[in-house]
């Protein structure tokens, strides 16, 4: 991970963010198992990923978590501002959390990049955490991404990667 990406969040903050995301994914998986008999799977195929992402984001609702040096506010966006997600602030900038299926060229992202990322060599900057989860809520990895002023990701680093289970050979 580059020096700049490494400085955006402290090691303690990265660990605490990872723990929140892991806990939210675990809780979502438990809920999914409880609800499995309720839903008819073909009707839910394309809808799970949104629910898993909502579960992750819910862990960062204002007043729901405590990470020293990070605060959260609700950011309203979309048609009539009816969609909401957490906007997180730390000493080194503002960041959003998105799933790996998200289009990282949305209006909110491009506006933050245009305003904050004129010079990305030093904070404060706008950056993004990309959470790689499957539709069942299994966490694969978390990346930290730094976009330039135009919103193009120019640096990417790994905050967390799920340990891979090695197969036993006979």
Protein backbone atom coordinates (compact mmCIF):
# COMPACT_ATOMS: atom_id res chain seq x y z
CA UNK A 1 0.00 0.00 0.00
CA UNK A 2 1.34 3.45 -0.88
CA UNK A 3 2.44 5.87 1.83
CA UNK A 4 -0.50 8.16 1.05
CA UNK A 5 -3.11 5.37 1.30
CA UNK A 6 -1.46 4.09 4.46
CA UNK A 7 -1.80 7.50 6.13
CA UNK A 8 -5.53 8.04 5.44
CA UNK A 9 -6.65 5.76 8.28
CA UNK A 10 -4.64 4.65 11.29
CA UNK A 11 -3.97 0.95 11.76
CA UNK A 12 -6.36 0.96 14.72
CA UNK A 13 -9.10 2.60 12.59
CA UNK A 14 -8.58 0.07 9.78
CA UNK A 15 -8.90 -2.82 12.25
CA UNK A 16 -12.02 -1.31 13.85
CA UNK A 17 -13.67 -0.67 10.46
CA UNK A 18 -12.84 -4.24 9.41
CA UNK A 19 -14.31 -5.61 12.63
CA UNK A 20 -17.56 -3.68 12.11
CA UNK A 21 -17.85 -4.93 8.52
CA UNK A 22 -17.08 -8.52 9.56
CA UNK A 23 -19.67 -8.35 12.36
CA UNK A 24 -22.33 -6.90 10.04
CA UNK A 25 -21.63 -9.62 7.43
CA UNK A 26 -21.85 -12.32 10.11
CA UNK A 27 -25.14 -10.93 11.43
CA UNK A 28 -26.50 -10.74 7.88
CA UNK A 29 -25.52 -14.37 7.22
CA UNK A 30 -27.29 -15.45 10.43
CA UNK A 31 -30.40 -13.53 9.39
CA UNK A 32 -30.25 -15.12 5.93
CA UNK A 33 -30.16 -18.59 7.46
CA UNK A 34 -33.17 -17.77 9.66
CA UNK A 35 -35.13 -16.40 6.70
CA UNK A 36 -34.16 -19.09 4.16
CA UNK A 37 -37.42 -21.01 4.55
CA UNK A 38 -39.45 -17.82 4.20
CA UNK A 39 -38.19 -16.71 0.78
CA UNK A 40 -38.55 -18.45 -2.56
CA UNK A 41 -34.95 -18.40 -3.85
CA UNK A 42 -35.64 -17.60 -7.54
CA UNK A 43 -37.37 -14.38 -6.49
CA UNK A 44 -34.45 -13.25 -4.37
CA UNK A 45 -31.53 -14.01 -6.76
CA UNK A 46 -30.89 -10.43 -7.88
CA UNK A 47 -31.82 -8.80 -4.60
CA UNK A 48 -29.45 -10.30 -2.01
CA UNK A 49 -26.41 -8.16 -2.81
CA UNK A 50 -28.33 -4.96 -2.03
CA UNK A 51 -29.43 -6.37 1.33
CA UNK A 52 -25.87 -7.45 2.21
CA UNK A 53 -24.54 -3.99 1.32
CA UNK A 54 -27.29 -2.37 3.40
CA UNK A 55 -26.28 -4.56 6.33
CA UNK A 56 -22.64 -3.43 6.04
CA UNK A 57 -23.57 0.26 5.73
CA UNK A 58 -25.92 -0.01 8.72
CA UNK A 59 -22.90 -0.69 10.92
CA UNK A 60 -21.76 2.88 10.22
CA UNK A 61 -25.00 4.72 10.94
CA UNK A 62 -24.57 7.93 12.96
CA UNK A 63 -24.35 7.07 16.65
CA UNK A 64 -24.16 3.30 16.03
CA UNK A 65 -20.38 2.81 16.14
CA UNK A 66 -17.45 4.26 18.04
CA UNK A 67 -14.13 4.66 16.31
CA UNK A 68 -11.90 7.37 17.68
CA UNK A 69 -11.36 10.09 15.08
CA UNK A 70 -14.20 8.98 12.76
CA UNK A 71 -17.69 10.46 12.64
CA UNK A 72 -20.66 9.62 10.47
CA UNK A 73 -23.49 11.68 9.03
CA UNK A 74 -26.34 10.65 6.77
CA UNK A 75 -25.82 11.64 3.15
CA UNK A 76 -29.06 11.93 1.19
CA UNK A 77 -28.87 11.47 -2.56
CA UNK A 78 -30.77 10.27 -5.60
CA UNK A 79 -34.19 11.29 -6.86
CA UNK A 80 -35.79 13.55 -4.26
CA UNK A 81 -32.89 12.71 -1.91
CA UNK A 82 -34.68 9.54 -0.75
CA UNK A 83 -31.60 7.32 -0.72
CA UNK A 84 -29.24 7.56 2.24
CA UNK A 85 -25.79 6.27 3.08
CA UNK A 86 -23.18 7.12 5.71
CA UNK A 87 -20.59 9.76 4.94
CA UNK A 88 -17.61 9.19 7.20
CA UNK A 89 -15.14 11.88 8.24
CA UNK A 90 -11.69 11.54 9.73
CA UNK A 91 -8.70 13.84 10.15
CA UNK A 92 -7.45 13.00 6.66
CA UNK A 93 -10.66 13.49 4.73
CA UNK A 94 -14.08 12.15 3.90
CA UNK A 95 -14.84 8.61 2.79
CA UNK A 96 -17.72 6.46 1.62
CA UNK A 97 -18.19 2.71 1.69
CA UNK A 98 -19.40 0.89 -1.44
CA UNK A 99 -19.79 -2.72 -2.47
CA UNK A 100 -17.61 -4.07 -5.26
CA UNK A 101 -20.62 -4.09 -7.59
CA UNK A 102 -21.10 -0.33 -7.30
CA UNK A 103 -20.48 2.10 -10.11
CA UNK A 104 -17.86 4.36 -8.58
CA UNK A 105 -18.77 7.20 -10.95
CA UNK A 106 -21.91 8.42 -9.17
CA UNK A 107 -22.71 12.10 -8.77
CA UNK A 108 -21.78 12.12 -5.06
CA UNK A 109 -18.36 10.62 -5.74
CA UNK A 110 -17.60 12.93 -8.66
CA UNK A 111 -18.64 16.00 -6.63
CA UNK A 112 -16.43 15.02 -3.67
CA UNK A 113 -13.50 14.30 -6.00
CA UNK A 114 -13.88 17.64 -7.81
CA UNK A 115 -14.01 19.51 -4.48
CA UNK A 116 -11.43 17.62 -2.43
CA UNK A 117 -9.00 15.80 -4.72
CA UNK A 118 -7.41 18.66 -6.65
CA UNK A 119 -4.14 17.71 -4.93
CA UNK A 120 -4.13 14.09 -3.79
CA UNK A 121 -0.56 14.15 -2.55
CA UNK A 122 -1.65 15.20 0.95
CA UNK A 123 -4.80 15.13 3.07
CA UNK A 124 -7.57 16.05 3.39
CA UNK A 125 -8.87 14.03 0.45
CA UNK A 126 -11.94 12.04 -0.52
CA UNK A 127 -11.39 8.29 -0.58
CA UNK A 128 -13.47 5.14 -0.90
CA UNK A 129 -13.61 1.81 0.89
CA UNK A 130 -14.76 -0.98 -1.42
CA UNK A 131 -16.19 -4.00 0.36
CA UNK A 132 -16.15 -7.26 -1.61
CA UNK A 133 -19.04 -9.41 -0.36
CA UNK A 134 -21.11 -12.04 -2.06
CA UNK A 135 -24.90 -12.06 -2.17
CA UNK A 136 -25.00 -14.29 0.91
CA UNK A 137 -22.99 -11.74 2.90
CA UNK A 138 -19.61 -13.53 2.91
CA UNK A 139 -16.81 -10.98 3.16
CA UNK A 140 -13.88 -11.53 0.78
CA UNK A 141 -11.83 -8.34 1.09
CA UNK A 142 -11.85 -4.60 1.81
CA UNK A 143 -9.94 -2.15 -0.36
CA UNK A 144 -9.09 1.49 0.16
CA UNK A 145 -9.17 3.52 -3.05
CA UNK A 146 -8.00 7.02 -3.85
CA UNK A 147 -9.63 8.69 -6.85
CA UNK A 148 -8.20 11.73 -8.62
CA UNK A 149 -10.07 14.98 -9.24
CA UNK A 150 -11.97 13.39 -12.17
CA UNK A 151 -13.05 10.40 -10.07
CA UNK A 152 -10.69 7.84 -11.62
CA UNK A 153 -9.18 5.45 -9.06
CA UNK A 154 -5.42 6.10 -9.17
CA UNK A 155 -4.34 4.17 -6.07
CA UNK A 156 -5.74 1.03 -4.50
CA UNK A 157 -4.65 -0.92 -1.43
CA UNK A 158 -5.84 -3.87 0.60
CA UNK A 159 -7.11 -3.29 4.14
CA UNK A 160 -8.40 -6.81 4.73
CA UNK A 161 -8.52 -10.12 2.88
CA UNK A 162 -10.35 -13.18 4.13
CA UNK A 163 -7.88 -15.96 4.85
CA UNK A 164 -8.02 -18.64 2.18
CA UNK A 165 -8.56 -22.19 3.35
CA UNK A 166 -5.95 -24.53 1.91
CA UNK A 167 -7.13 -27.89 0.73
CA UNK A 168 -5.64 -30.92 2.41
CA UNK A 169 -3.89 -33.30 0.06
CA UNK A 170 -3.72 -37.01 0.73
